[in-house]
Amino acid sequence: SHDNLAAQVVSYELLTNYYQRELLYLRKLKESIALEEPKAYSFNKVS
């Protein structure tokens, strides 16, 4: 009656860690883009 729910507990831990790492990466990426934004204009003619 509960082994599938126990599997959801396992997947919850794995997914939470995965999504948290993804969120951390995206936030760092957002910060780096904001910092490097002035440099990006040097490429504005390369498309």
ModelCIF file with pLDDT and N, C-alpha, C, O atoms, coordinates in Angstrom:
data_MODEL
#
_entry.id   MODEL 
#
_entity.id                         1 
_entity.type                       polymer 
_entity.pdbx_number_of_molecules   1 
#
_entity_poly.entity_id                      1 
_entity_poly.type                           'polypeptide(L)' 
_entity_poly.nstd_linkage                   no 
_entity_poly.nstd_monomer                   no 
_entity_poly.pdbx_seq_one_letter_code       SHDNLAAQVVSYELLTNYYQRELLYLRKLKESIALEEPKAYSFNKVS 
_entity_poly.pdbx_seq_one_letter_code_can   SHDNLAAQVVSYELLTNYYQRELLYLRKLKESIALEEPKAYSFNKVS 
_entity_poly.pdbx_strand_id                 A 
#
loop_
_entity_poly_seq.entity_id 
_entity_poly_seq.num 
_entity_poly_seq.mon_id 
_entity_poly_seq.hetero 
1 1  SER n 
1 2  HIS n 
1 3  ASP n 
1 4  ASN n 
1 5  LEU n 
1 6  ALA n 
1 7  ALA n 
1 8  GLN n 
1 9  VAL n 
1 10 VAL n 
1 11 SER n 
1 12 TYR n 
1 13 GLU n 
1 14 LEU n 
1 15 LEU n 
1 16 THR n 
1 17 ASN n 
1 18 TYR n 
1 19 TYR n 
1 20 GLN n 
1 21 ARG n 
1 22 GLU n 
1 23 LEU n 
1 24 LEU n 
1 25 TYR n 
1 26 LEU n 
1 27 ARG n 
1 28 LYS n 
1 29 LEU n 
1 30 LYS n 
1 31 GLU n 
1 32 SER n 
1 33 ILE n 
1 34 ALA n 
1 35 LEU n 
1 36 GLU n 
1 37 GLU n 
1 38 PRO n 
1 39 LYS n 
1 40 ALA n 
1 41 TYR n 
1 42 SER n 
1 43 PHE n 
1 44 ASN n 
1 45 LYS n 
1 46 VAL n 
1 47 SER n 
#
_struct_asym.id          A 
_struct_asym.entity_id   1 
#
loop_
_ma_qa_metric.id 
_ma_qa_metric.mode 
_ma_qa_metric.name 
_ma_qa_metric.software_group_id 
_ma_qa_metric.type 
1 global pLDDT . pLDDT 
2 local  pLDDT . pLDDT 
#
_ma_qa_metric_global.metric_id      1 
_ma_qa_metric_global.metric_value   82.09 
_ma_qa_metric_global.model_id       1 
_ma_qa_metric_global.ordinal_id     1 
#
loop_
_ma_qa_metric_local.label_asym_id 
_ma_qa_metric_local.label_comp_id 
_ma_qa_metric_local.label_seq_id 
_ma_qa_metric_local.metric_id 
_ma_qa_metric_local.metric_value 
_ma_qa_metric_local.model_id 
_ma_qa_metric_local.ordinal_id 
A SER 1  2 91.00 1 1  
A HIS 2  2 94.00 1 2  
A ASP 3  2 96.00 1 3  
A ASN 4  2 95.00 1 4  
A LEU 5  2 96.00 1 5  
A ALA 6  2 97.00 1 6  
A ALA 7  2 97.00 1 7  
A GLN 8  2 97.00 1 8  
A VAL 9  2 97.00 1 9  
A VAL 10 2 98.00 1 10 
A SER 11 2 98.00 1 11 
A TYR 12 2 97.00 1 12 
A GLU 13 2 97.00 1 13 
A LEU 14 2 98.00 1 14 
A LEU 15 2 98.00 1 15 
A THR 16 2 97.00 1 16 
A ASN 17 2 97.00 1 17 
A TYR 18 2 97.00 1 18 
A TYR 19 2 97.00 1 19 
A GLN 20 2 96.00 1 20 
A ARG 21 2 95.00 1 21 
A GLU 22 2 95.00 1 22 
A LEU 23 2 94.00 1 23 
A LEU 24 2 94.00 1 24 
A TYR 25 2 92.00 1 25 
A LEU 26 2 92.00 1 26 
A ARG 27 2 91.00 1 27 
A LYS 28 2 89.00 1 28 
A LEU 29 2 86.00 1 29 
A LYS 30 2 84.00 1 30 
A GLU 31 2 84.00 1 31 
A SER 32 2 79.00 1 32 
A ILE 33 2 70.00 1 33 
A ALA 34 2 66.00 1 34 
A LEU 35 2 59.00 1 35 
A GLU 36 2 56.00 1 36 
A GLU 37 2 51.00 1 37 
A PRO 38 2 49.00 1 38 
A LYS 39 2 47.00 1 39 
A ALA 40 2 43.00 1 40 
A TYR 41 2 44.00 1 41 
A SER 42 2 45.00 1 42 
A PHE 43 2 49.00 1 43 
A ASN 44 2 55.00 1 44 
A LYS 45 2 58.00 1 45 
A VAL 46 2 77.00 1 46 
A SER 47 2 84.00 1 47 
#
loop_
_atom_site.group_PDB 
_atom_site.id 
_atom_site.type_symbol 
_atom_site.label_atom_id 
_atom_site.label_alt_id 
_atom_site.label_comp_id 
_atom_site.label_asym_id 
_atom_site.label_entity_id 
_atom_site.label_seq_id 
_atom_site.pdbx_PDB_ins_code 
_atom_site.Cartn_x 
_atom_site.Cartn_y 
_atom_site.Cartn_z 
_atom_site.occupancy 
_atom_site.B_iso_or_equiv 
_atom_site.pdbx_formal_charge 
_atom_site.auth_seq_id 
_atom_site.auth_comp_id 
_atom_site.auth_asym_id 
_atom_site.auth_atom_id 
_atom_site.pdbx_PDB_model_num 
ATOM 1   N N  . SER A 1 1  ? 0.807  -1.222 0.000   1.00 91.00 ? 1  SER A N  1 
ATOM 2   C CA . SER A 1 1  ? 0.000  0.000  0.000   1.00 91.00 ? 1  SER A CA 1 
ATOM 3   C C  . SER A 1 1  ? 0.843  1.278  0.000   1.00 91.00 ? 1  SER A C  1 
ATOM 4   O O  . SER A 1 1  ? 0.352  2.340  -0.381  1.00 91.00 ? 1  SER A O  1 
ATOM 5   N N  . HIS A 1 2  ? 2.131  1.183  0.432   1.00 94.00 ? 2  HIS A N  1 
ATOM 6   C CA . HIS A 1 2  ? 2.914  2.411  0.587   1.00 94.00 ? 2  HIS A CA 1 
ATOM 7   C C  . HIS A 1 2  ? 4.299  2.373  -0.049  1.00 94.00 ? 2  HIS A C  1 
ATOM 8   O O  . HIS A 1 2  ? 5.059  3.329  0.103   1.00 94.00 ? 2  HIS A O  1 
ATOM 9   N N  . ASP A 1 3  ? 4.652  1.301  -0.756  1.00 96.00 ? 3  ASP A N  1 
ATOM 10  C CA . ASP A 1 3  ? 6.008  1.296  -1.330  1.00 96.00 ? 3  ASP A CA 1 
ATOM 11  C C  . ASP A 1 3  ? 6.154  2.334  -2.443  1.00 96.00 ? 3  ASP A C  1 
ATOM 12  O O  . ASP A 1 3  ? 7.242  2.874  -2.644  1.00 96.00 ? 3  ASP A O  1 
ATOM 13  N N  . ASN A 1 4  ? 5.072  2.617  -3.166  1.00 95.00 ? 4  ASN A N  1 
ATOM 14  C CA . ASN A 1 4  ? 5.144  3.640  -4.205  1.00 95.00 ? 4  ASN A CA 1 
ATOM 15  C C  . ASN A 1 4  ? 5.312  5.034  -3.589  1.00 95.00 ? 4  ASN A C  1 
ATOM 16  O O  . ASN A 1 4  ? 6.022  5.880  -4.134  1.00 95.00 ? 4  ASN A O  1 
ATOM 17  N N  . LEU A 1 5  ? 4.662  5.259  -2.466  1.00 96.00 ? 5  LEU A N  1 
ATOM 18  C CA . LEU A 1 5  ? 4.820  6.536  -1.771  1.00 96.00 ? 5  LEU A CA 1 
ATOM 19  C C  . LEU A 1 5  ? 6.236  6.650  -1.204  1.00 96.00 ? 5  LEU A C  1 
ATOM 20  O O  . LEU A 1 5  ? 6.808  7.740  -1.170  1.00 96.00 ? 5  LEU A O  1 
ATOM 21  N N  . ALA A 1 6  ? 6.796  5.528  -0.761  1.00 97.00 ? 6  ALA A N  1 
ATOM 22  C CA . ALA A 1 6  ? 8.185  5.533  -0.289  1.00 97.00 ? 6  ALA A CA 1 
ATOM 23  C C  . ALA A 1 6  ? 9.132  5.892  -1.433  1.00 97.00 ? 6  ALA A C  1 
ATOM 24  O O  . ALA A 1 6  ? 10.129 6.582  -1.224  1.00 97.00 ? 6  ALA A O  1 
ATOM 25  N N  . ALA A 1 7  ? 8.816  5.419  -2.652  1.00 97.00 ? 7  ALA A N  1 
ATOM 26  C CA . ALA A 1 7  ? 9.618  5.773  -3.825  1.00 97.00 ? 7  ALA A CA 1 
ATOM 27  C C  . ALA A 1 7  ? 9.512  7.263  -4.122  1.00 97.00 ? 7  ALA A C  1 
ATOM 28  O O  . ALA A 1 7  ? 10.470 7.874  -4.594  1.00 97.00 ? 7  ALA A O  1 
ATOM 29  N N  . GLN A 1 8  ? 8.341  7.853  -3.845  1.00 97.00 ? 8  GLN A N  1 
ATOM 30  C CA . GLN A 1 8  ? 8.168  9.290  -4.053  1.00 97.00 ? 8  GLN A CA 1 
ATOM 31  C C  . GLN A 1 8  ? 9.011  10.091 -3.065  1.00 97.00 ? 8  GLN A C  1 
ATOM 32  O O  . GLN A 1 8  ? 9.467  11.189 -3.384  1.00 97.00 ? 8  GLN A O  1 
ATOM 33  N N  . VAL A 1 9  ? 9.217  9.551  -1.881  1.00 97.00 ? 9  VAL A N  1 
ATOM 34  C CA . VAL A 1 9  ? 10.101 10.204 -0.916  1.00 97.00 ? 9  VAL A CA 1 
ATOM 35  C C  . VAL A 1 9  ? 11.530 10.217 -1.454  1.00 97.00 ? 9  VAL A C  1 
ATOM 36  O O  . VAL A 1 9  ? 12.234 11.223 -1.355  1.00 97.00 ? 9  VAL A O  1 
ATOM 37  N N  . VAL A 1 10 ? 11.949 9.084  -2.026  1.00 98.00 ? 10 VAL A N  1 
ATOM 38  C CA . VAL A 1 10 ? 13.286 8.997  -2.619  1.00 98.00 ? 10 VAL A CA 1 
ATOM 39  C C  . VAL A 1 10 ? 13.423 9.983  -3.780  1.00 98.00 ? 10 VAL A C  1 
ATOM 40  O O  . VAL A 1 10 ? 14.401 10.728 -3.851  1.00 98.00 ? 10 VAL A O  1 
ATOM 41  N N  . SER A 1 11 ? 12.448 9.989  -4.684  1.00 98.00 ? 11 SER A N  1 
ATOM 42  C CA . SER A 1 11 ? 12.525 10.874 -5.846  1.00 98.00 ? 11 SER A CA 1 
ATOM 43  C C  . SER A 1 11 ? 12.433 12.342 -5.434  1.00 98.00 ? 11 SER A C  1 
ATOM 44  O O  . SER A 1 11 ? 13.023 13.206 -6.084  1.00 98.00 ? 11 SER A O  1 
ATOM 45  N N  . TYR A 1 12 ? 11.705 12.627 -4.368  1.00 97.00 ? 12 TYR A N  1 
ATOM 46  C CA . TYR A 1 12 ? 11.619 14.005 -3.864  1.00 97.00 ? 12 TYR A CA 1 
ATOM 47  C C  . TYR A 1 12 ? 13.002 14.530 -3.506  1.00 97.00 ? 12 TYR A C  1 
ATOM 48  O O  . TYR A 1 12 ? 13.364 15.648 -3.872  1.00 97.00 ? 12 TYR A O  1 
ATOM 49  N N  . GLU A 1 13 ? 13.770 13.721 -2.792  1.00 97.00 ? 13 GLU A N  1 
ATOM 50  C CA . GLU A 1 13 ? 15.115 14.137 -2.395  1.00 97.00 ? 13 GLU A CA 1 
ATOM 51  C C  . GLU A 1 13 ? 15.997 14.358 -3.617  1.00 97.00 ? 13 GLU A C  1 
ATOM 52  O O  . GLU A 1 13 ? 16.709 15.359 -3.699  1.00 97.00 ? 13 GLU A O  1 
ATOM 53  N N  . LEU A 1 14 ? 15.953 13.428 -4.565  1.00 98.00 ? 14 LEU A N  1 
ATOM 54  C CA . LEU A 1 14 ? 16.792 13.524 -5.761  1.00 98.00 ? 14 LEU A CA 1 
ATOM 55  C C  . LEU A 1 14 ? 16.403 14.726 -6.624  1.00 98.00 ? 14 LEU A C  1 
ATOM 56  O O  . LEU A 1 14 ? 17.264 15.471 -7.091  1.00 98.00 ? 14 LEU A O  1 
ATOM 57  N N  . LEU A 1 15 ? 15.096 14.904 -6.829  1.00 98.00 ? 15 LEU A N  1 
ATOM 58  C CA . LEU A 1 15 ? 14.625 16.006 -7.670  1.00 98.00 ? 15 LEU A CA 1 
ATOM 59  C C  . LEU A 1 15 ? 14.879 17.364 -7.019  1.00 98.00 ? 15 LEU A C  1 
ATOM 60  O O  . LEU A 1 15 ? 15.258 18.318 -7.698  1.00 98.00 ? 15 LEU A O  1 
ATOM 61  N N  . THR A 1 16 ? 14.672 17.451 -5.718  1.00 97.00 ? 16 THR A N  1 
ATOM 62  C CA . THR A 1 16 ? 14.908 18.717 -5.019  1.00 97.00 ? 16 THR A CA 1 
ATOM 63  C C  . THR A 1 16 ? 16.362 19.135 -5.168  1.00 97.00 ? 16 THR A C  1 
ATOM 64  O O  . THR A 1 16 ? 16.652 20.298 -5.450  1.00 97.00 ? 16 THR A O  1 
ATOM 65  N N  . ASN A 1 17 ? 17.275 18.191 -4.980  1.00 97.00 ? 17 ASN A N  1 
ATOM 66  C CA . ASN A 1 17 ? 18.700 18.507 -5.132  1.00 97.00 ? 17 ASN A CA 1 
ATOM 67  C C  . ASN A 1 17 ? 19.022 18.932 -6.558  1.00 97.00 ? 17 ASN A C  1 
ATOM 68  O O  . ASN A 1 17 ? 19.791 19.867 -6.782  1.00 97.00 ? 17 ASN A O  1 
ATOM 69  N N  . TYR A 1 18 ? 18.423 18.232 -7.521  1.00 97.00 ? 18 TYR A N  1 
ATOM 70  C CA . TYR A 1 18 ? 18.678 18.543 -8.942  1.00 97.00 ? 18 TYR A CA 1 
ATOM 71  C C  . TYR A 1 18 ? 18.169 19.938 -9.287  1.00 97.00 ? 18 TYR A C  1 
ATOM 72  O O  . TYR A 1 18 ? 18.887 20.732 -9.896  1.00 97.00 ? 18 TYR A O  1 
ATOM 73  N N  . TYR A 1 19 ? 16.936 20.236 -8.899  1.00 97.00 ? 19 TYR A N  1 
ATOM 74  C CA . TYR A 1 19 ? 16.348 21.538 -9.221  1.00 97.00 ? 19 TYR A CA 1 
ATOM 75  C C  . TYR A 1 19 ? 17.064 22.679 -8.479  1.00 97.00 ? 19 TYR A C  1 
ATOM 76  O O  . TYR A 1 19 ? 17.221 23.773 -9.021  1.00 97.00 ? 19 TYR A O  1 
ATOM 77  N N  . GLN A 1 20 ? 17.493 22.416 -7.246  1.00 96.00 ? 20 GLN A N  1 
ATOM 78  C CA . GLN A 1 20 ? 18.205 23.451 -6.494  1.00 96.00 ? 20 GLN A CA 1 
ATOM 79  C C  . GLN A 1 20 ? 19.539 23.788 -7.154  1.00 96.00 ? 20 GLN A C  1 
ATOM 80  O O  . GLN A 1 20 ? 19.932 24.952 -7.214  1.00 96.00 ? 20 GLN A O  1 
ATOM 81  N N  . ARG A 1 21 ? 20.233 22.758 -7.649  1.00 95.00 ? 21 ARG A N  1 
ATOM 82  C CA . ARG A 1 21 ? 21.491 23.004 -8.362  1.00 95.00 ? 21 ARG A CA 1 
ATOM 83  C C  . ARG A 1 21 ? 21.227 23.778 -9.660  1.00 95.00 ? 21 ARG A C  1 
ATOM 84  O O  . ARG A 1 21 ? 21.988 24.672 -10.030 1.00 95.00 ? 21 ARG A O  1 
ATOM 85  N N  . GLU A 1 22 ? 20.139 23.418 -10.337 1.00 95.00 ? 22 GLU A N  1 
ATOM 86  C CA . GLU A 1 22 ? 19.776 24.111 -11.566 1.00 95.00 ? 22 GLU A CA 1 
ATOM 87  C C  . GLU A 1 22 ? 19.444 25.571 -11.271 1.00 95.00 ? 22 GLU A C  1 
ATOM 88  O O  . GLU A 1 22 ? 19.832 26.466 -12.023 1.00 95.00 ? 22 GLU A O  1 
ATOM 89  N N  . LEU A 1 23 ? 18.736 25.806 -10.188 1.00 94.00 ? 23 LEU A N  1 
ATOM 90  C CA . LEU A 1 23 ? 18.357 27.168 -9.803  1.00 94.00 ? 23 LEU A CA 1 
ATOM 91  C C  . LEU A 1 23 ? 19.599 27.989 -9.454  1.00 94.00 ? 23 LEU A C  1 
ATOM 92  O O  . LEU A 1 23 ? 19.703 29.157 -9.830  1.00 94.00 ? 23 LEU A O  1 
ATOM 93  N N  . LEU A 1 24 ? 20.525 27.381 -8.744  1.00 94.00 ? 24 LEU A N  1 
ATOM 94  C CA . LEU A 1 24 ? 21.770 28.071 -8.382  1.00 94.00 ? 24 LEU A CA 1 
ATOM 95  C C  . LEU A 1 24 ? 22.558 28.445 -9.638  1.00 94.00 ? 24 LEU A C  1 
ATOM 96  O O  . LEU A 1 24 ? 23.090 29.550 -9.741  1.00 94.00 ? 24 LEU A O  1 
ATOM 97  N N  . TYR A 1 25 ? 22.627 27.511 -10.591 1.00 92.00 ? 25 TYR A N  1 
ATOM 98  C CA . TYR A 1 25 ? 23.335 27.771 -11.849 1.00 92.00 ? 25 TYR A CA 1 
ATOM 99  C C  . TYR A 1 25 ? 22.688 28.938 -12.607 1.00 92.00 ? 25 TYR A C  1 
ATOM 100 O O  . TYR A 1 25 ? 23.384 29.821 -13.108 1.00 92.00 ? 25 TYR A O  1 
ATOM 101 N N  . LEU A 1 26 ? 21.355 28.933 -12.685 1.00 92.00 ? 26 LEU A N  1 
ATOM 102 C CA . LEU A 1 26 ? 20.652 29.986 -13.421 1.00 92.00 ? 26 LEU A CA 1 
ATOM 103 C C  . LEU A 1 26 ? 20.839 31.344 -12.760 1.00 92.00 ? 26 LEU A C  1 
ATOM 104 O O  . LEU A 1 26 ? 20.993 32.354 -13.446 1.00 92.00 ? 26 LEU A O  1 
ATOM 105 N N  . ARG A 1 27 ? 20.826 31.372 -11.435 1.00 91.00 ? 27 ARG A N  1 
ATOM 106 C CA . ARG A 1 27 ? 21.006 32.644 -10.727 1.00 91.00 ? 27 ARG A CA 1 
ATOM 107 C C  . ARG A 1 27 ? 22.420 33.185 -10.925 1.00 91.00 ? 27 ARG A C  1 
ATOM 108 O O  . ARG A 1 27 ? 22.615 34.388 -11.099 1.00 91.00 ? 27 ARG A O  1 
ATOM 109 N N  . LYS A 1 28 ? 23.401 32.287 -10.897 1.00 89.00 ? 28 LYS A N  1 
ATOM 110 C CA . LYS A 1 28 ? 24.778 32.723 -11.158 1.00 89.00 ? 28 LYS A CA 1 
ATOM 111 C C  . LYS A 1 28 ? 24.932 33.205 -12.590 1.00 89.00 ? 28 LYS A C  1 
ATOM 112 O O  . LYS A 1 28 ? 25.640 34.176 -12.860 1.00 89.00 ? 28 LYS A O  1 
ATOM 113 N N  . LEU A 1 29 ? 24.259 32.512 -13.508 1.00 86.00 ? 29 LEU A N  1 
ATOM 114 C CA . LEU A 1 29 ? 24.299 32.910 -14.915 1.00 86.00 ? 29 LEU A CA 1 
ATOM 115 C C  . LEU A 1 29 ? 23.672 34.286 -15.096 1.00 86.00 ? 29 LEU A C  1 
ATOM 116 O O  . LEU A 1 29 ? 24.175 35.118 -15.851 1.00 86.00 ? 29 LEU A O  1 
ATOM 117 N N  . LYS A 1 30 ? 22.578 34.510 -14.398 1.00 84.00 ? 30 LYS A N  1 
ATOM 118 C CA . LYS A 1 30 ? 21.912 35.815 -14.472 1.00 84.00 ? 30 LYS A CA 1 
ATOM 119 C C  . LYS A 1 30 ? 22.832 36.922 -13.966 1.00 84.00 ? 30 LYS A C  1 
ATOM 120 O O  . LYS A 1 30 ? 22.913 37.997 -14.558 1.00 84.00 ? 30 LYS A O  1 
ATOM 121 N N  . GLU A 1 31 ? 23.527 36.640 -12.853 1.00 84.00 ? 31 GLU A N  1 
ATOM 122 C CA . GLU A 1 31 ? 24.449 37.625 -12.292 1.00 84.00 ? 31 GLU A CA 1 
ATOM 123 C C  . GLU A 1 31 ? 25.617 37.902 -13.237 1.00 84.00 ? 31 GLU A C  1 
ATOM 124 O O  . GLU A 1 31 ? 26.022 39.052 -13.412 1.00 84.00 ? 31 GLU A O  1 
ATOM 125 N N  . SER A 1 32 ? 26.160 36.838 -13.847 1.00 79.00 ? 32 SER A N  1 
ATOM 126 C CA . SER A 1 32 ? 27.301 37.016 -14.744 1.00 79.00 ? 32 SER A CA 1 
ATOM 127 C C  . SER A 1 32 ? 26.904 37.791 -15.995 1.00 79.00 ? 32 SER A C  1 
ATOM 128 O O  . SER A 1 32 ? 27.680 38.598 -16.505 1.00 79.00 ? 32 SER A O  1 
ATOM 129 N N  . ILE A 1 33 ? 25.682 37.541 -16.490 1.00 70.00 ? 33 ILE A N  1 
ATOM 130 C CA . ILE A 1 33 ? 25.199 38.273 -17.663 1.00 70.00 ? 33 ILE A CA 1 
ATOM 131 C C  . ILE A 1 33 ? 25.047 39.751 -17.335 1.00 70.00 ? 33 ILE A C  1 
ATOM 132 O O  . ILE A 1 33 ? 25.376 40.623 -18.139 1.00 70.00 ? 33 ILE A O  1 
ATOM 133 N N  . ALA A 1 34 ? 24.533 40.011 -16.122 1.00 66.00 ? 34 ALA A N  1 
ATOM 134 C CA . ALA A 1 34 ? 24.353 41.402 -15.708 1.00 66.00 ? 34 ALA A CA 1 
ATOM 135 C C  . ALA A 1 34 ? 25.697 42.120 -15.601 1.00 66.00 ? 34 ALA A C  1 
ATOM 136 O O  . ALA A 1 34 ? 25.817 43.290 -15.963 1.00 66.00 ? 34 ALA A O  1 
ATOM 137 N N  . LEU A 1 35 ? 26.719 41.394 -15.094 1.00 59.00 ? 35 LEU A N  1 
ATOM 138 C CA . LEU A 1 35 ? 28.044 41.991 -14.941 1.00 59.00 ? 35 LEU A CA 1 
ATOM 139 C C  . LEU A 1 35 ? 28.738 42.209 -16.274 1.00 59.00 ? 35 LEU A C  1 
ATOM 140 O O  . LEU A 1 35 ? 29.471 43.182 -16.453 1.00 59.00 ? 35 LEU A O  1 
ATOM 141 N N  . GLU A 1 36 ? 28.500 41.292 -17.212 1.00 56.00 ? 36 GLU A N  1 
ATOM 142 C CA . GLU A 1 36 ? 29.194 41.348 -18.492 1.00 56.00 ? 36 GLU A CA 1 
ATOM 143 C C  . GLU A 1 36 ? 28.397 42.073 -19.572 1.00 56.00 ? 36 GLU A C  1 
ATOM 144 O O  . GLU A 1 36 ? 28.828 42.150 -20.722 1.00 56.00 ? 36 GLU A O  1 
ATOM 145 N N  . GLU A 1 37 ? 27.237 42.603 -19.200 1.00 51.00 ? 37 GLU A N  1 
ATOM 146 C CA . GLU A 1 37 ? 26.357 43.209 -20.198 1.00 51.00 ? 37 GLU A CA 1 
ATOM 147 C C  . GLU A 1 37 ? 27.035 44.312 -21.014 1.00 51.00 ? 37 GLU A C  1 
ATOM 148 O O  . GLU A 1 37 ? 26.833 44.356 -22.228 1.00 51.00 ? 37 GLU A O  1 
ATOM 149 N N  . PRO A 1 38 ? 27.835 45.211 -20.407 1.00 49.00 ? 38 PRO A N  1 
ATOM 150 C CA . PRO A 1 38 ? 28.490 46.242 -21.226 1.00 49.00 ? 38 PRO A CA 1 
ATOM 151 C C  . PRO A 1 38 ? 29.410 45.647 -22.294 1.00 49.00 ? 38 PRO A C  1 
ATOM 152 O O  . PRO A 1 38 ? 29.521 46.194 -23.391 1.00 49.00 ? 38 PRO A O  1 
ATOM 153 N N  . LYS A 1 39 ? 30.080 44.512 -21.973 1.00 47.00 ? 39 LYS A N  1 
ATOM 154 C CA . LYS A 1 39 ? 30.976 43.877 -22.934 1.00 47.00 ? 39 LYS A CA 1 
ATOM 155 C C  . LYS A 1 39 ? 30.215 43.269 -24.096 1.00 47.00 ? 39 LYS A C  1 
ATOM 156 O O  . LYS A 1 39 ? 30.736 43.155 -25.205 1.00 47.00 ? 39 LYS A O  1 
ATOM 157 N N  . ALA A 1 40 ? 28.979 42.882 -23.829 1.00 43.00 ? 40 ALA A N  1 
ATOM 158 C CA . ALA A 1 40 ? 28.202 42.196 -24.861 1.00 43.00 ? 40 ALA A CA 1 
ATOM 159 C C  . ALA A 1 40 ? 27.975 43.070 -26.086 1.00 43.00 ? 40 ALA A C  1 
ATOM 160 O O  . ALA A 1 40 ? 27.772 42.567 -27.191 1.00 43.00 ? 40 ALA A O  1 
ATOM 161 N N  . TYR A 1 41 ? 28.009 44.393 -25.880 1.00 44.00 ? 41 TYR A N  1 
ATOM 162 C CA . TYR A 1 41 ? 27.745 45.267 -27.012 1.00 44.00 ? 41 TYR A CA 1 
ATOM 163 C C  . TYR A 1 41 ? 28.846 45.199 -28.068 1.00 44.00 ? 41 TYR A C  1 
ATOM 164 O O  . TYR A 1 41 ? 28.634 45.594 -29.214 1.00 44.00 ? 41 TYR A O  1 
ATOM 165 N N  . SER A 1 42 ? 30.022 44.700 -27.684 1.00 45.00 ? 42 SER A N  1 
ATOM 166 C CA . SER A 1 42 ? 31.103 44.579 -28.658 1.00 45.00 ? 42 SER A CA 1 
ATOM 167 C C  . SER A 1 42 ? 30.800 43.509 -29.692 1.00 45.00 ? 42 SER A C  1 
ATOM 168 O O  . SER A 1 42 ? 31.433 43.465 -30.747 1.00 45.00 ? 42 SER A O  1 
ATOM 169 N N  . PHE A 1 43 ? 29.819 42.632 -29.389 1.00 49.00 ? 43 PHE A N  1 
ATOM 170 C CA . PHE A 1 43 ? 29.441 41.579 -30.313 1.00 49.00 ? 43 PHE A CA 1 
ATOM 171 C C  . PHE A 1 43 ? 28.134 41.879 -31.045 1.00 49.00 ? 43 PHE A C  1 
ATOM 172 O O  . PHE A 1 43 ? 27.576 41.009 -31.714 1.00 49.00 ? 43 PHE A O  1 
ATOM 173 N N  . ASN A 1 44 ? 27.653 43.112 -30.914 1.00 55.00 ? 44 ASN A N  1 
ATOM 174 C CA . ASN A 1 44 ? 26.312 43.344 -31.424 1.00 55.00 ? 44 ASN A CA 1 
ATOM 175 C C  . ASN A 1 44 ? 26.212 43.302 -32.947 1.00 55.00 ? 44 ASN A C  1 
ATOM 176 O O  . ASN A 1 44 ? 25.111 43.323 -33.497 1.00 55.00 ? 44 ASN A O  1 
ATOM 177 N N  . LYS A 1 45 ? 27.349 43.245 -33.627 1.00 58.00 ? 45 LYS A N  1 
ATOM 178 C CA . LYS A 1 45 ? 27.304 43.141 -35.075 1.00 58.00 ? 45 LYS A CA 1 
ATOM 179 C C  . LYS A 1 45 ? 27.580 41.726 -35.568 1.00 58.00 ? 45 LYS A C  1 
ATOM 180 O O  . LYS A 1 45 ? 27.599 41.469 -36.772 1.00 58.00 ? 45 LYS A O  1 
ATOM 181 N N  . VAL A 1 46 ? 27.797 40.800 -34.610 1.00 77.00 ? 46 VAL A N  1 
ATOM 182 C CA . VAL A 1 46 ? 28.031 39.399 -34.968 1.00 77.00 ? 46 VAL A CA 1 
ATOM 183 C C  . VAL A 1 46 ? 26.742 38.631 -34.705 1.00 77.00 ? 46 VAL A C  1 
ATOM 184 O O  . VAL A 1 46 ? 26.332 38.475 -33.555 1.00 77.00 ? 46 VAL A O  1 
ATOM 185 N N  . SER A 1 47 ? 26.114 38.159 -35.753 1.00 84.00 ? 47 SER A N  1 
ATOM 186 C CA . SER A 1 47 ? 24.848 37.450 -35.581 1.00 84.00 ? 47 SER A CA 1 
ATOM 187 C C  . SER A 1 47 ? 24.861 36.140 -36.349 1.00 84.00 ? 47 SER A C  1 
ATOM 188 O O  . SER A 1 47 ? 23.877 35.401 -36.326 1.00 84.00 ? 47 SER A O  1 
#
